[in-house]
Amino acid sequence: MKNSLRYNEDFRSITPNEYIEEDTLLWVEREVDAYYNVEVEGPFVIQNGWGPIWFGPKNCNNPQPKGYVQIVSTITGESRRVTHGNFLFETYYVMNEERLCTDAETL
């Protein structure tokens, strides 16, 4: 877990309930084996936005067909859909805005 963004103060994890602006950079982290080794992918760019408007309701018998957020890799151009189900196996991170502001003030 030493490569995990969880322990990096420059990043913070996000949930489907937060509103994140379009074009924000995003990193994806997932465990790759039973030994807690992690893989970090990114950065990705959020298209259209992030939040409950895009994900739709979490618990419903008839999920919305558009209940996802589209992200695009800045490296390969690969496009991916993120749904509520992705949060079972992946953690999503953005840069910690508070930390960025603090660092900018110290320059």
PDB file of N, CA and C in Angstrom:
ATOM      1  N   MET A   1       0.819  -1.197   0.000  1.00  0.00           N
ATOM      2  CA  MET A   1       0.000   0.000   0.000  1.00  0.00           C
ATOM      3  C   MET A   1       0.862   1.260   0.000  1.00  0.00           C
ATOM      4  N   LYS A   2       2.168   1.117  -0.111  1.00  0.00           N
ATOM      5  CA  LYS A   2       3.024   2.293  -0.079  1.00  0.00           C
ATOM      6  C   LYS A   2       2.799   3.206  -1.279  1.00  0.00           C
ATOM      7  N   ASN A   3       2.271   2.670  -2.398  1.00  0.00           N
ATOM      8  CA  ASN A   3       1.987   3.492  -3.571  1.00  0.00           C
ATOM      9  C   ASN A   3       0.595   4.104  -3.521  1.00  0.00           C
ATOM     10  N   SER A   4      -0.134   3.855  -2.470  1.00  0.00           N
ATOM     11  CA  SER A   4      -1.516   4.309  -2.368  1.00  0.00           C
ATOM     12  C   SER A   4      -1.602   5.825  -2.258  1.00  0.00           C
ATOM     13  N   LEU A   5      -2.569   6.388  -2.967  1.00  0.00           N
ATOM     14  CA  LEU A   5      -2.814   7.826  -2.855  1.00  0.00           C
ATOM     15  C   LEU A   5      -3.468   8.171  -1.524  1.00  0.00           C
ATOM     16  N   ARG A   6      -3.970   7.166  -0.833  1.00  0.00           N
ATOM     17  CA  ARG A   6      -4.623   7.365   0.464  1.00  0.00           C
ATOM     18  C   ARG A   6      -3.695   8.068   1.454  1.00  0.00           C
ATOM     19  N   TYR A   7      -2.406   7.797   1.370  1.00  0.00           N
ATOM     20  CA  TYR A   7      -1.442   8.353   2.322  1.00  0.00           C
ATOM     21  C   TYR A   7      -0.731   9.584   1.781  1.00  0.00           C
ATOM     22  N   ASN A   8      -1.121  10.047   0.619  1.00  0.00           N
ATOM     23  CA  ASN A   8      -0.499  11.217   0.007  1.00  0.00           C
ATOM     24  C   ASN A   8      -1.377  12.433   0.313  1.00  0.00           C
ATOM     25  N   GLU A   9      -0.836  13.401   1.004  1.00  0.00           N
ATOM     26  CA  GLU A   9      -1.606  14.572   1.422  1.00  0.00           C
ATOM     27  C   GLU A   9      -2.007  15.472   0.256  1.00  0.00           C
ATOM     28  N   ASP A  10      -1.414  15.264  -0.919  1.00  0.00           N
ATOM     29  CA  ASP A  10      -1.748  16.084  -2.076  1.00  0.00           C
ATOM     30  C   ASP A  10      -3.040  15.636  -2.757  1.00  0.00           C
ATOM     31  N   PHE A  11      -3.592  14.486  -2.337  1.00  0.00           N
ATOM     32  CA  PHE A  11      -4.800  13.946  -2.955  1.00  0.00           C
ATOM     33  C   PHE A  11      -5.869  13.712  -1.901  1.00  0.00           C
ATOM     34  N   ARG A  12      -7.125  13.724  -2.344  1.00  0.00           N
ATOM     35  CA  ARG A  12      -8.234  13.361  -1.465  1.00  0.00           C
ATOM     36  C   ARG A  12      -9.195  12.482  -2.253  1.00  0.00           C
ATOM     37  N   SER A  13      -9.799  11.522  -1.562  1.00  0.00           N
ATOM     38  CA  SER A  13     -10.763  10.644  -2.218  1.00  0.00           C
ATOM     39  C   SER A  13     -12.093  11.372  -2.371  1.00  0.00           C
ATOM     40  N   ILE A  14     -12.868  10.953  -3.372  1.00  0.00           N
ATOM     41  CA  ILE A  14     -14.164  11.575  -3.621  1.00  0.00           C
ATOM     42  C   ILE A  14     -15.241  10.496  -3.689  1.00  0.00           C
ATOM     43  N   THR A  15     -16.491  10.919  -3.501  1.00  0.00           N
ATOM     44  CA  THR A  15     -17.638  10.016  -3.524  1.00  0.00           C
ATOM     45  C   THR A  15     -18.597  10.459  -4.632  1.00  0.00           C
ATOM     46  N   PRO A  16     -19.577   9.610  -4.978  1.00  0.00           N
ATOM     47  CA  PRO A  16     -20.565  10.011  -5.986  1.00  0.00           C
ATOM     48  C   PRO A  16     -21.461  11.159  -5.529  1.00  0.00           C
ATOM     49  N   ASN A  17     -21.495  11.442  -4.233  1.00  0.00           N
ATOM     50  CA  ASN A  17     -22.367  12.491  -3.697  1.00  0.00           C
ATOM     51  C   ASN A  17     -21.761  13.883  -3.758  1.00  0.00           C
ATOM     52  N   GLU A  18     -20.487  13.979  -4.111  1.00  0.00           N
ATOM     53  CA  GLU A  18     -19.827  15.283  -4.201  1.00  0.00           C
ATOM     54  C   GLU A  18     -20.012  15.859  -5.594  1.00  0.00           C
ATOM     55  N   TYR A  19     -20.064  17.177  -5.660  1.00  0.00           N
ATOM     56  CA  TYR A  19     -20.089  17.845  -6.959  1.00  0.00           C
ATOM     57  C   TYR A  19     -18.660  18.250  -7.317  1.00  0.00           C
ATOM     58  N   ILE A  20     -18.188  17.728  -8.422  1.00  0.00           N
ATOM     59  CA  ILE A  20     -16.848  18.036  -8.921  1.00  0.00           C
ATOM     60  C   ILE A  20     -17.017  18.632 -10.316  1.00  0.00           C
ATOM     61  N   GLU A  21     -16.304  19.692 -10.593  1.00  0.00           N
ATOM     62  CA  GLU A  21     -16.445  20.388 -11.868  1.00  0.00           C
ATOM     63  C   GLU A  21     -15.919  19.586 -13.045  1.00  0.00           C
ATOM     64  N   GLU A  22     -16.480  19.881 -14.202  1.00  0.00           N
ATOM     65  CA  GLU A  22     -16.017  19.315 -15.457  1.00  0.00           C
ATOM     66  C   GLU A  22     -14.544  19.687 -15.668  1.00  0.00           C
ATOM     67  N   ASP A  23     -13.809  18.823 -16.333  1.00  0.00           N
ATOM     68  CA  ASP A  23     -12.389  19.006 -16.680  1.00  0.00           C
ATOM     69  C   ASP A  23     -11.447  18.919 -15.474  1.00  0.00           C
ATOM     70  N   THR A  24     -11.923  18.445 -14.336  1.00  0.00           N
ATOM     71  CA  THR A  24     -11.066  18.224 -13.182  1.00  0.00           C
ATOM     72  C   THR A  24     -10.269  16.944 -13.403  1.00  0.00           C
ATOM     73  N   LEU A  25      -9.002  16.949 -13.014  1.00  0.00           N
ATOM     74  CA  LEU A  25      -8.171  15.745 -13.128  1.00  0.00           C
ATOM     75  C   LEU A  25      -8.542  14.757 -12.035  1.00  0.00           C
ATOM     76  N   LEU A  26      -8.521  13.468 -12.378  1.00  0.00           N
ATOM     77  CA  LEU A  26      -8.969  12.400 -11.500  1.00  0.00           C
ATOM     78  C   LEU A  26      -8.027  11.209 -11.639  1.00  0.00           C
ATOM     79  N   TRP A  27      -7.727  10.550 -10.516  1.00  0.00           N
ATOM     80  CA  TRP A  27      -6.920   9.327 -10.517  1.00  0.00           C
ATOM     81  C   TRP A  27      -7.752   8.193  -9.955  1.00  0.00           C
ATOM     82  N   VAL A  28      -7.513   6.969 -10.452  1.00  0.00           N
ATOM     83  CA  VAL A  28      -8.263   5.782 -10.040  1.00  0.00           C
ATOM     84  C   VAL A  28      -7.293   4.817  -9.368  1.00  0.00           C
ATOM     85  N   GLU A  29      -7.679   4.309  -8.193  1.00  0.00           N
ATOM     86  CA  GLU A  29      -6.838   3.357  -7.464  1.00  0.00           C
ATOM     87  C   GLU A  29      -7.640   2.096  -7.188  1.00  0.00           C
ATOM     88  N   ARG A  30      -7.007   0.936  -7.388  1.00  0.00           N
ATOM     89  CA  ARG A  30      -7.667  -0.343  -7.088  1.00  0.00           C
ATOM     90  C   ARG A  30      -6.637  -1.318  -6.549  1.00  0.00           C
ATOM     91  N   GLU A  31      -7.106  -2.227  -5.694  1.00  0.00           N
ATOM     92  CA  GLU A  31      -6.231  -3.289  -5.200  1.00  0.00           C
ATOM     93  C   GLU A  31      -6.099  -4.335  -6.293  1.00  0.00           C
ATOM     94  N   VAL A  32      -4.870  -4.808  -6.518  1.00  0.00           N
ATOM     95  CA  VAL A  32      -4.642  -5.756  -7.617  1.00  0.00           C
ATOM     96  C   VAL A  32      -4.457  -7.188  -7.136  1.00  0.00           C
ATOM     97  N   ASP A  33      -4.261  -7.394  -5.826  1.00  0.00           N
ATOM     98  CA  ASP A  33      -4.116  -8.755  -5.313  1.00  0.00           C
ATOM     99  C   ASP A  33      -4.460  -8.796  -3.825  1.00  0.00           C
ATOM    100  N   ALA A  34      -4.357  -9.979  -3.253  1.00  0.00           N
ATOM    101  CA  ALA A  34      -4.718 -10.180  -1.844  1.00  0.00           C
ATOM    102  C   ALA A  34      -3.680  -9.616  -0.884  1.00  0.00           C
ATOM    103  N   TYR A  35      -2.565  -9.139  -1.389  1.00  0.00           N
ATOM    104  CA  TYR A  35      -1.493  -8.611  -0.539  1.00  0.00           C
ATOM    105  C   TYR A  35      -1.559  -7.097  -0.412  1.00  0.00           C
ATOM    106  N   TYR A  36      -2.695  -6.510  -0.759  1.00  0.00           N
ATOM    107  CA  TYR A  36      -2.945  -5.077  -0.648  1.00  0.00           C
ATOM    108  C   TYR A  36      -2.056  -4.237  -1.554  1.00  0.00           C
ATOM    109  N   ASN A  37      -1.540  -4.828  -2.615  1.00  0.00           N
ATOM    110  CA  ASN A  37      -0.824  -4.043  -3.616  1.00  0.00           C
ATOM    111  C   ASN A  37      -1.852  -3.280  -4.433  1.00  0.00           C
ATOM    112  N   VAL A  38      -1.532  -2.026  -4.729  1.00  0.00           N
ATOM    113  CA  VAL A  38      -2.489  -1.192  -5.449  1.00  0.00           C
ATOM    114  C   VAL A  38      -1.927  -0.763  -6.791  1.00  0.00           C
ATOM    115  N   GLU A  39      -2.849  -0.457  -7.678  1.00  0.00           N
ATOM    116  CA  GLU A  39      -2.514   0.076  -8.991  1.00  0.00           C
ATOM    117  C   GLU A  39      -3.196   1.431  -9.098  1.00  0.00           C
ATOM    118  N   VAL A  40      -2.449   2.433  -9.528  1.00  0.00           N
ATOM    119  CA  VAL A  40      -3.003   3.771  -9.701  1.00  0.00           C
ATOM    120  C   VAL A  40      -2.990   4.086 -11.189  1.00  0.00           C
ATOM    121  N   GLU A  41      -4.142   4.497 -11.705  1.00  0.00           N
ATOM    122  CA  GLU A  41      -4.264   4.887 -13.100  1.00  0.00           C
ATOM    123  C   GLU A  41      -4.627   6.363 -13.170  1.00  0.00           C
ATOM    124  N   GLY A  42      -4.130   7.014 -14.188  1.00  0.00           N
ATOM    125  CA  GLY A  42      -4.513   8.404 -14.386  1.00  0.00           C
ATOM    126  C   GLY A  42      -3.338   9.228 -14.825  1.00  0.00           C
ATOM    127  N   PRO A  43      -3.578  10.477 -15.017  1.00  0.00           N
ATOM    128  CA  PRO A  43      -4.819  11.182 -14.718  1.00  0.00           C
ATOM    129  C   PRO A  43      -5.872  11.009 -15.814  1.00  0.00           C
ATOM    130  N   PHE A  44      -7.119  11.145 -15.382  1.00  0.00           N
ATOM    131  CA  PHE A  44      -8.276  11.188 -16.254  1.00  0.00           C
ATOM    132  C   PHE A  44      -8.885  12.576 -16.132  1.00  0.00           C
ATOM    133  N   VAL A  45      -9.692  12.951 -17.109  1.00  0.00           N
ATOM    134  CA  VAL A  45     -10.428  14.211 -17.064  1.00  0.00           C
ATOM    135  C   VAL A  45     -11.903  13.875 -16.944  1.00  0.00           C
ATOM    136  N   ILE A  46     -12.591  14.541 -16.025  1.00  0.00           N
ATOM    137  CA  ILE A  46     -14.032  14.340 -15.851  1.00  0.00           C
ATOM    138  C   ILE A  46     -14.762  15.114 -16.938  1.00  0.00           C
ATOM    139  N   GLN A  47     -15.637  14.427 -17.669  1.00  0.00           N
ATOM    140  CA  GLN A  47     -16.444  15.100 -18.687  1.00  0.00           C
ATOM    141  C   GLN A  47     -17.824  15.417 -18.123  1.00  0.00           C
ATOM    142  N   ASN A  48     -18.312  16.593 -18.387  1.00  0.00           N
ATOM    143  CA  ASN A  48     -19.657  17.059 -18.014  1.00  0.00           C
ATOM    144  C   ASN A  48     -19.846  17.320 -16.531  1.00  0.00           C
ATOM    145  N   GLY A  49     -19.117  16.692 -15.641  1.00  0.00           N
ATOM    146  CA  GLY A  49     -19.258  16.918 -14.204  1.00  0.00           C
ATOM    147  C   GLY A  49     -19.378  15.616 -13.439  1.00  0.00           C
ATOM    148  N   TRP A  50     -19.410  15.729 -12.113  1.00  0.00           N
ATOM    149  CA  TRP A  50     -19.430  14.585 -11.199  1.00  0.00           C
ATOM    150  C   TRP A  50     -20.373  14.917 -10.069  1.00  0.00           C
ATOM    151  N   GLY A  51     -21.249  14.002  -9.724  1.00  0.00           N
ATOM    152  CA  GLY A  51     -22.153  14.221  -8.598  1.00  0.00           C
ATOM    153  C   GLY A  51     -23.453  13.473  -8.770  1.00  0.00           C
ATOM    154  N   PRO A  52     -24.374  13.650  -7.813  1.00  0.00           N
ATOM    155  CA  PRO A  52     -25.637  12.912  -7.824  1.00  0.00           C
ATOM    156  C   PRO A  52     -26.461  13.122  -9.100  1.00  0.00           C
ATOM    157  N   ILE A  53     -26.339  14.286  -9.729  1.00  0.00           N
ATOM    158  CA  ILE A  53     -27.090  14.538 -10.959  1.00  0.00           C
ATOM    159  C   ILE A  53     -26.691  13.535 -12.035  1.00  0.00           C
ATOM    160  N   TRP A  54     -25.403  13.204 -12.103  1.00  0.00           N
ATOM    161  CA  TRP A  54     -24.903  12.310 -13.148  1.00  0.00           C
ATOM    162  C   TRP A  54     -25.015  10.842 -12.747  1.00  0.00           C
ATOM    163  N   PHE A  55     -24.781  10.532 -11.487  1.00  0.00           N
ATOM    164  CA  PHE A  55     -24.822   9.135 -11.049  1.00  0.00           C
ATOM    165  C   PHE A  55     -26.248   8.620 -10.862  1.00  0.00           C
ATOM    166  N   GLY A  56     -27.173   9.496 -10.534  1.00  0.00           N
ATOM    167  CA  GLY A  56     -28.531   9.061 -10.259  1.00  0.00           C
ATOM    168  C   GLY A  56     -28.635   8.496  -8.861  1.00  0.00           C
ATOM    169  N   PRO A  57     -29.828   8.011  -8.481  1.00  0.00           N
ATOM    170  CA  PRO A  57     -30.013   7.470  -7.133  1.00  0.00           C
ATOM    171  C   PRO A  57     -29.224   6.179  -6.941  1.00  0.00           C
ATOM    172  N   LYS A  58     -28.661   6.015  -5.752  1.00  0.00           N
ATOM    173  CA  LYS A  58     -27.819   4.853  -5.462  1.00  0.00           C
ATOM    174  C   LYS A  58     -28.635   3.568  -5.361  1.00  0.00           C
ATOM    175  N   ASN A  59     -29.713   3.591  -4.604  1.00  0.00           N
ATOM    176  CA  ASN A  59     -30.512   2.393  -4.375  1.00  0.00           C
ATOM    177  C   ASN A  59     -31.846   2.505  -5.087  1.00  0.00           C
ATOM    178  N   CYS A  60     -31.947   1.838  -6.201  1.00  0.00           N
ATOM    179  CA  CYS A  60     -33.239   1.810  -6.879  1.00  0.00           C
ATOM    180  C   CYS A  60     -33.329   0.548  -7.720  1.00  0.00           C
ATOM    181  N   ASN A  61     -34.531   0.065  -7.905  1.00  0.00           N
ATOM    182  CA  ASN A  61     -34.726  -1.156  -8.677  1.00  0.00           C
ATOM    183  C   ASN A  61     -34.567  -0.940 -10.168  1.00  0.00           C
ATOM    184  N   ASN A  62     -34.820   0.263 -10.632  1.00  0.00           N
ATOM    185  CA  ASN A  62     -34.690   0.591 -12.048  1.00  0.00           C
ATOM    186  C   ASN A  62     -33.690   1.729 -12.215  1.00  0.00           C
ATOM    187  N   PRO A  63     -32.395   1.404 -12.288  1.00  0.00           N
ATOM    188  CA  PRO A  63     -31.410   2.476 -12.407  1.00  0.00           C
ATOM    189  C   PRO A  63     -31.586   3.262 -13.700  1.00  0.00           C
ATOM    190  N   GLN A  64     -31.195   4.508 -13.655  1.00  0.00           N
ATOM    191  CA  GLN A  64     -31.282   5.360 -14.829  1.00  0.00           C
ATOM    192  C   GLN A  64     -30.294   4.884 -15.887  1.00  0.00           C
ATOM    193  N   PRO A  65     -30.678   4.912 -17.155  1.00  0.00           N
ATOM    194  CA  PRO A  65     -29.740   4.494 -18.199  1.00  0.00           C
ATOM    195  C   PRO A  65     -28.529   5.413 -18.283  1.00  0.00           C
ATOM    196  N   LYS A  66     -28.670   6.649 -17.856  1.00  0.00           N
ATOM    197  CA  LYS A  66     -27.554   7.596 -17.888  1.00  0.00           C
ATOM    198  C   LYS A  66     -26.940   7.770 -16.504  1.00  0.00           C
ATOM    199  N   GLY A  67     -27.017   6.760 -15.641  1.00  0.00           N
ATOM    200  CA  GLY A  67     -26.498   6.856 -14.283  1.00  0.00           C
ATOM    201  C   GLY A  67     -25.009   6.607 -14.204  1.00  0.00           C
ATOM    202  N   TYR A  68     -24.231   7.441 -14.894  1.00  0.00           N
ATOM    203  CA  TYR A  68     -22.783   7.271 -14.898  1.00  0.00           C
ATOM    204  C   TYR A  68     -22.096   8.610 -15.157  1.00  0.00           C
ATOM    205  N   VAL A  69     -20.804   8.622 -14.892  1.00  0.00           N
ATOM    206  CA  VAL A  69     -19.956   9.761 -15.216  1.00  0.00           C
ATOM    207  C   VAL A  69     -18.922   9.283 -16.219  1.00  0.00           C
ATOM    208  N   GLN A  70     -18.668  10.084 -17.217  1.00  0.00           N
ATOM    209  CA  GLN A  70     -17.692   9.743 -18.252  1.00  0.00           C
ATOM    210  C   GLN A  70     -16.344  10.364 -17.874  1.00  0.00           C
ATOM    211  N   ILE A  71     -15.277   9.542 -17.902  1.00  0.00           N
ATOM    212  CA  ILE A  71     -13.922  10.061 -17.687  1.00  0.00           C
ATOM    213  C   ILE A  71     -13.065   9.649 -18.887  1.00  0.00           C
ATOM    214  N   VAL A  72     -12.071  10.471 -19.205  1.00  0.00           N
ATOM    215  CA  VAL A  72     -11.210  10.228 -20.360  1.00  0.00           C
ATOM    216  C   VAL A  72      -9.758  10.323 -19.913  1.00  0.00           C
ATOM    217  N   SER A  73      -8.961   9.309 -20.294  1.00  0.00           N
ATOM    218  CA  SER A  73      -7.542   9.296 -19.944  1.00  0.00           C
ATOM    219  C   SER A  73      -6.822  10.414 -20.687  1.00  0.00           C
ATOM    220  N   THR A  74      -5.987  11.150 -19.961  1.00  0.00           N
ATOM    221  CA  THR A  74      -5.192  12.202 -20.597  1.00  0.00           C
ATOM    222  C   THR A  74      -3.979  11.611 -21.311  1.00  0.00           C
ATOM    223  N   ILE A  75      -3.681  10.339 -21.065  1.00  0.00           N
ATOM    224  CA  ILE A  75      -2.520   9.691 -21.680  1.00  0.00           C
ATOM    225  C   ILE A  75      -2.906   8.944 -22.948  1.00  0.00           C
ATOM    226  N   THR A  76      -3.940   8.098 -22.863  1.00  0.00           N
ATOM    227  CA  THR A  76      -4.307   7.242 -23.997  1.00  0.00           C
ATOM    228  C   THR A  76      -5.546   7.720 -24.743  1.00  0.00           C
ATOM    229  N   GLY A  77      -6.342   8.599 -24.141  1.00  0.00           N
ATOM    230  CA  GLY A  77      -7.593   9.029 -24.750  1.00  0.00           C
ATOM    231  C   GLY A  77      -8.741   8.049 -24.523  1.00  0.00           C
ATOM    232  N   GLU A  78      -8.464   6.963 -23.763  1.00  0.00           N
ATOM    233  CA  GLU A  78      -9.490   5.962 -23.456  1.00  0.00           C
ATOM    234  C   GLU A  78     -10.625   6.609 -22.672  1.00  0.00           C
ATOM    235  N   SER A  79     -11.846   6.267 -23.054  1.00  0.00           N
ATOM    236  CA  SER A  79     -13.033   6.782 -22.378  1.00  0.00           C
ATOM    237  C   SER A  79     -13.630   5.679 -21.514  1.00  0.00           C
ATOM    238  N   ARG A  80     -13.984   6.007 -20.260  1.00  0.00           N
ATOM    239  CA  ARG A  80     -14.563   5.029 -19.330  1.00  0.00           C
ATOM    240  C   ARG A  80     -15.793   5.607 -18.671  1.00  0.00           C
ATOM    241  N   ARG A  81     -16.715   4.713 -18.295  1.00  0.00           N
ATOM    242  CA  ARG A  81     -17.897   5.093 -17.541  1.00  0.00           C
ATOM    243  C   ARG A  81     -17.697   4.688 -16.082  1.00  0.00           C
ATOM    244  N   VAL A  82     -18.032   5.580 -15.178  1.00  0.00           N
ATOM    245  CA  VAL A  82     -17.959   5.296 -13.749  1.00  0.00           C
ATOM    246  C   VAL A  82     -19.391   5.257 -13.227  1.00  0.00           C
ATOM    247  N   THR A  83     -19.779   4.146 -12.584  1.00  0.00           N
ATOM    248  CA  THR A  83     -21.109   3.999 -11.996  1.00  0.00           C
ATOM    249  C   THR A  83     -20.959   3.780 -10.491  1.00  0.00           C
ATOM    250  N   HIS A  84     -22.083   3.682  -9.794  1.00  0.00           N
ATOM    251  CA  HIS A  84     -22.031   3.379  -8.359  1.00  0.00           C
ATOM    252  C   HIS A  84     -21.295   2.066  -8.115  1.00  0.00           C
ATOM    253  N   GLY A  85     -21.469   1.094  -8.970  1.00  0.00           N
ATOM    254  CA  GLY A  85     -20.834  -0.213  -8.799  1.00  0.00           C
ATOM    255  C   GLY A  85     -19.319  -0.163  -8.817  1.00  0.00           C
ATOM    256  N   ASN A  86     -18.736   0.788  -9.525  1.00  0.00           N
ATOM    257  CA  ASN A  86     -17.278   0.912  -9.573  1.00  0.00           C
ATOM    258  C   ASN A  86     -16.675   1.209  -8.202  1.00  0.00           C
ATOM    259  N   PHE A  87     -17.452   1.835  -7.320  1.00  0.00           N
ATOM    260  CA  PHE A  87     -16.931   2.205  -6.009  1.00  0.00           C
ATOM    261  C   PHE A  87     -16.721   0.992  -5.102  1.00  0.00           C
ATOM    262  N   LEU A  88     -17.209  -0.184  -5.498  1.00  0.00           N
ATOM    263  CA  LEU A  88     -16.947  -1.406  -4.729  1.00  0.00           C
ATOM    264  C   LEU A  88     -15.496  -1.830  -4.847  1.00  0.00           C
ATOM    265  N   PHE A  89     -14.871  -1.533  -5.977  1.00  0.00           N
ATOM    266  CA  PHE A  89     -13.520  -2.031  -6.253  1.00  0.00           C
ATOM    267  C   PHE A  89     -12.499  -0.944  -6.522  1.00  0.00           C
ATOM    268  N   GLU A  90     -12.936   0.278  -6.669  1.00  0.00           N
ATOM    269  CA  GLU A  90     -12.026   1.359  -7.009  1.00  0.00           C
ATOM    270  C   GLU A  90     -12.259   2.555  -6.092  1.00  0.00           C
ATOM    271  N   THR A  91     -11.198   3.331  -5.890  1.00  0.00           N
ATOM    272  CA  THR A  91     -11.285   4.585  -5.149  1.00  0.00           C
ATOM    273  C   THR A  91     -10.845   5.685  -6.096  1.00  0.00           C
ATOM    274  N   TYR A  92     -11.550   6.790  -6.074  1.00  0.00           N
ATOM    275  CA  TYR A  92     -11.293   7.898  -6.986  1.00  0.00           C
ATOM    276  C   TYR A  92     -10.724   9.069  -6.199  1.00  0.00           C
ATOM    277  N   TYR A  93      -9.696   9.704  -6.776  1.00  0.00           N
ATOM    278  CA  TYR A  93      -8.989  10.794  -6.100  1.00  0.00           C
ATOM    279  C   TYR A  93      -8.882  12.010  -7.005  1.00  0.00           C
ATOM    280  N   VAL A  94      -8.907  13.178  -6.386  1.00  0.00           N
ATOM    281  CA  VAL A  94      -8.603  14.440  -7.048  1.00  0.00           C
ATOM    282  C   VAL A  94      -7.514  15.126  -6.225  1.00  0.00           C
ATOM    283  N   MET A  95      -6.914  16.145  -6.816  1.00  0.00           N
ATOM    284  CA  MET A  95      -5.902  16.904  -6.080  1.00  0.00           C
ATOM    285  C   MET A  95      -6.576  17.618  -4.915  1.00  0.00           C
ATOM    286  N   ASN A  96      -5.895  17.677  -3.793  1.00  0.00           N
ATOM    287  CA  ASN A  96      -6.418  18.329  -2.597  1.00  0.00           C
ATOM    288  C   ASN A  96      -6.308  19.846  -2.771  1.00  0.00           C
ATOM    289  N   GLU A  97      -7.441  20.508  -2.984  1.00  0.00           N
ATOM    290  CA  GLU A  97      -7.452  21.945  -3.258  1.00  0.00           C
ATOM    291  C   GLU A  97      -6.865  22.748  -2.111  1.00  0.00           C
ATOM    292  N   GLU A  98      -7.160  22.362  -0.881  1.00  0.00           N
ATOM    293  CA  GLU A  98      -6.642  23.088   0.275  1.00  0.00           C
ATOM    294  C   GLU A  98      -5.120  23.043   0.300  1.00  0.00           C
ATOM    295  N   ARG A  99      -4.581  21.899  -0.021  1.00  0.00           N
ATOM    296  CA  ARG A  99      -3.127  21.739  -0.032  1.00  0.00           C
ATOM    297  C   ARG A  99      -2.505  22.572  -1.152  1.00  0.00           C
ATOM    298  N   LEU A 100      -3.152  22.598  -2.318  1.00  0.00           N
ATOM    299  CA  LEU A 100      -2.632  23.383  -3.436  1.00  0.00           C
ATOM    300  C   LEU A 100      -2.614  24.867  -3.101  1.00  0.00           C
ATOM    301  N   CYS A 101      -3.659  25.359  -2.439  1.00  0.00           N
ATOM    302  CA  CYS A 101      -3.721  26.765  -2.065  1.00  0.00           C
ATOM    303  C   CYS A 101      -2.640  27.107  -1.044  1.00  0.00           C
ATOM    304  N   THR A 102      -2.420  26.229  -0.098  1.00  0.00           N
ATOM    305  CA  THR A 102      -1.396  26.432   0.924  1.00  0.00           C
ATOM    306  C   THR A 102      -0.018  26.478   0.290  1.00  0.00           C
ATOM    307  N   ASP A 103       0.260  25.547  -0.628  1.00  0.00           N
ATOM    308  CA  ASP A 103       1.562  25.522  -1.285  1.00  0.00           C
ATOM    309  C   ASP A 103       1.786  26.763  -2.116  1.00  0.00           C
ATOM    310  N   ALA A 104       0.754  27.258  -2.782  1.00  0.00           N
ATOM    311  CA  ALA A 104       0.884  28.447  -3.616  1.00  0.00           C
ATOM    312  C   ALA A 104       1.182  29.680  -2.756  1.00  0.00           C
ATOM    313  N   GLU A 105       0.610  29.732  -1.558  1.00  0.00           N
ATOM    314  CA  GLU A 105       0.835  30.880  -0.683  1.00  0.00           C
ATOM    315  C   GLU A 105       2.256  30.908  -0.117  1.00  0.00           C
ATOM    316  N   THR A 106       2.904  29.745  -0.036  1.00  0.00           N
ATOM    317  CA  THR A 106       4.247  29.702   0.540  1.00  0.00           C
ATOM    318  C   THR A 106       5.321  30.026  -0.466  1.00  0.00           C
ATOM    319  N   LEU A 107       4.962  30.142  -1.749  1.00  0.00           N
ATOM    320  CA  LEU A 107       5.974  30.445  -2.781  1.00  0.00           C
ATOM    321  C   LEU A 107       6.383  31.883  -2.780  1.00  0.00           C
TER     322      LEU A 107
END
